[in-house]
Amino acid sequence: MVVTQLAELISNDSGAGGTASLRALVPVESLAVGMRLAEDLYSSSGLKLLSRGTVLTEHALDAILRRHRAEPILHAAAVHRAA
């Protein structure tokens, strides 16, 4: 999980034209149906919840929020920006 977060920080500093311009970090509470994950989503204990590329459905979003209430996801989720 630490490696994933470090990679996110590095890619966010990559500047225009890098992958950071194609994705956004969104707080878990602000995720919405239809968003597509740009990175795997993990719980704070390191449990992989969803894979990169997953398009959030109502069912997936409900599961994420239930997990978040039981075991807070401390980092924002990386999602692809709308074109």
C-alpha atoms as a PDB file:
ATOM      1  CA  MET A   1       0.000   0.000   0.000  1.00  0.00           C
ATOM      2  CA  VAL A   2       2.833   2.426   0.809  1.00  0.00           C
ATOM      3  CA  VAL A   3       4.383   1.718  -2.582  1.00  0.00           C
ATOM      4  CA  THR A   4       1.058   2.463  -4.285  1.00  0.00           C
ATOM      5  CA  GLN A   5       0.728   5.763  -2.433  1.00  0.00           C
ATOM      6  CA  LEU A   6       4.323   6.697  -3.289  1.00  0.00           C
ATOM      7  CA  ALA A   7       3.678   5.933  -6.951  1.00  0.00           C
ATOM      8  CA  GLU A   8       0.592   8.185  -6.818  1.00  0.00           C
ATOM      9  CA  LEU A   9       2.635  11.035  -5.370  1.00  0.00           C
ATOM     10  CA  ILE A  10       5.324  10.647  -8.016  1.00  0.00           C
ATOM     11  CA  SER A  11       2.810  10.497 -10.867  1.00  0.00           C
ATOM     12  CA  ASN A  12       0.982  13.550  -9.508  1.00  0.00           C
ATOM     13  CA  ASP A  13       4.245  15.496  -9.833  1.00  0.00           C
ATOM     14  CA  SER A  14       4.835  14.340 -13.411  1.00  0.00           C
ATOM     15  CA  GLY A  15       3.456  17.582 -14.871  1.00  0.00           C
ATOM     16  CA  ALA A  16       1.378  18.242 -17.962  1.00  0.00           C
ATOM     17  CA  GLY A  17       1.258  15.385 -20.389  1.00  0.00           C
ATOM     18  CA  GLY A  18       1.893  12.808 -17.658  1.00  0.00           C
ATOM     19  CA  THR A  19      -0.662  10.407 -16.271  1.00  0.00           C
ATOM     20  CA  ALA A  20      -1.520  12.864 -13.492  1.00  0.00           C
ATOM     21  CA  SER A  21      -3.403  15.025 -16.007  1.00  0.00           C
ATOM     22  CA  LEU A  22      -5.635  12.050 -16.859  1.00  0.00           C
ATOM     23  CA  ARG A  23      -6.692  11.191 -13.317  1.00  0.00           C
ATOM     24  CA  ALA A  24      -7.937  12.798 -10.147  1.00  0.00           C
ATOM     25  CA  LEU A  25      -7.738  11.847  -6.480  1.00  0.00           C
ATOM     26  CA  VAL A  26     -11.241  11.750  -5.037  1.00  0.00           C
ATOM     27  CA  PRO A  27     -12.187  11.270  -1.364  1.00  0.00           C
ATOM     28  CA  VAL A  28     -14.022   7.988  -0.845  1.00  0.00           C
ATOM     29  CA  GLU A  29     -17.164   9.849   0.254  1.00  0.00           C
ATOM     30  CA  SER A  30     -17.201  11.714  -3.086  1.00  0.00           C
ATOM     31  CA  LEU A  31     -17.027   8.660  -5.367  1.00  0.00           C
ATOM     32  CA  ALA A  32     -19.980   8.305  -7.719  1.00  0.00           C
ATOM     33  CA  VAL A  33     -21.570   5.698  -9.963  1.00  0.00           C
ATOM     34  CA  GLY A  34     -19.881   5.656 -13.373  1.00  0.00           C
ATOM     35  CA  MET A  35     -16.406   6.714 -12.204  1.00  0.00           C
ATOM     36  CA  ARG A  36     -13.575   4.429 -13.377  1.00  0.00           C
ATOM     37  CA  LEU A  37     -10.721   3.620 -11.002  1.00  0.00           C
ATOM     38  CA  ALA A  38      -7.278   4.658 -12.255  1.00  0.00           C
ATOM     39  CA  GLU A  39      -5.542   2.570  -9.554  1.00  0.00           C
ATOM     40  CA  ASP A  40      -6.403  -0.439  -7.414  1.00  0.00           C
ATOM     41  CA  LEU A  41      -8.406   0.528  -4.320  1.00  0.00           C
ATOM     42  CA  TYR A  42      -7.218  -0.828  -0.952  1.00  0.00           C
ATOM     43  CA  SER A  43      -8.568  -0.675   2.587  1.00  0.00           C
ATOM     44  CA  SER A  44      -6.386   0.850   5.295  1.00  0.00           C
ATOM     45  CA  SER A  45      -5.317  -2.679   6.305  1.00  0.00           C
ATOM     46  CA  GLY A  46      -4.115  -3.412   2.761  1.00  0.00           C
ATOM     47  CA  LEU A  47      -7.075  -5.508   1.572  1.00  0.00           C
ATOM     48  CA  LYS A  48      -7.607  -5.011  -2.160  1.00  0.00           C
ATOM     49  CA  LEU A  49     -11.199  -3.883  -2.647  1.00  0.00           C
ATOM     50  CA  LEU A  50     -11.379  -3.201  -6.394  1.00  0.00           C
ATOM     51  CA  SER A  51      -9.016  -3.380  -9.356  1.00  0.00           C
ATOM     52  CA  ARG A  52      -7.809  -0.571 -11.587  1.00  0.00           C
ATOM     53  CA  GLY A  53     -10.217  -0.038 -14.465  1.00  0.00           C
ATOM     54  CA  THR A  54     -13.333  -0.961 -12.478  1.00  0.00           C
ATOM     55  CA  VAL A  55     -16.307   1.238 -13.345  1.00  0.00           C
ATOM     56  CA  LEU A  56     -18.186   1.967 -10.151  1.00  0.00           C
ATOM     57  CA  THR A  57     -21.716   0.625 -10.059  1.00  0.00           C
ATOM     58  CA  GLU A  58     -24.260   1.342  -7.352  1.00  0.00           C
ATOM     59  CA  HIS A  59     -23.529  -2.097  -5.846  1.00  0.00           C
ATOM     60  CA  ALA A  60     -19.737  -1.530  -5.854  1.00  0.00           C
ATOM     61  CA  LEU A  61     -20.126   1.963  -4.393  1.00  0.00           C
ATOM     62  CA  ASP A  62     -22.379   0.668  -1.602  1.00  0.00           C
ATOM     63  CA  ALA A  63     -19.789  -2.018  -0.771  1.00  0.00           C
ATOM     64  CA  ILE A  64     -16.948   0.554  -0.714  1.00  0.00           C
ATOM     65  CA  LEU A  65     -18.895   2.878   1.583  1.00  0.00           C
ATOM     66  CA  ARG A  66     -19.879   0.015   3.929  1.00  0.00           C
ATOM     67  CA  ARG A  67     -16.207  -1.016   4.160  1.00  0.00           C
ATOM     68  CA  HIS A  68     -15.204   2.621   4.660  1.00  0.00           C
ATOM     69  CA  ARG A  69     -17.580   2.954   7.629  1.00  0.00           C
ATOM     70  CA  ALA A  70     -16.201  -0.236   9.225  1.00  0.00           C
ATOM     71  CA  GLU A  71     -12.539   0.363   8.347  1.00  0.00           C
ATOM     72  CA  PRO A  72     -11.874   3.883   7.056  1.00  0.00           C
ATOM     73  CA  ILE A  73     -10.035   4.124   3.755  1.00  0.00           C
ATOM     74  CA  LEU A  74      -7.487   6.768   4.653  1.00  0.00           C
ATOM     75  CA  HIS A  75      -6.361   7.807   1.160  1.00  0.00           C
ATOM     76  CA  ALA A  76      -8.314   9.190  -1.754  1.00  0.00           C
ATOM     77  CA  ALA A  77      -9.252   6.988  -4.687  1.00  0.00           C
ATOM     78  CA  ALA A  78      -7.571   7.633  -8.041  1.00  0.00           C
ATOM     79  CA  VAL A  79     -10.168   7.877 -10.814  1.00  0.00           C
ATOM     80  CA  HIS A  80      -9.921   8.675 -14.505  1.00  0.00           C
ATOM     81  CA  ARG A  81     -11.015  12.175 -15.366  1.00  0.00           C
ATOM     82  CA  ALA A  82     -13.902  12.589 -17.764  1.00  0.00           C
ATOM     83  CA  ALA A  83     -12.692  13.531 -21.234  1.00  0.00           C
END
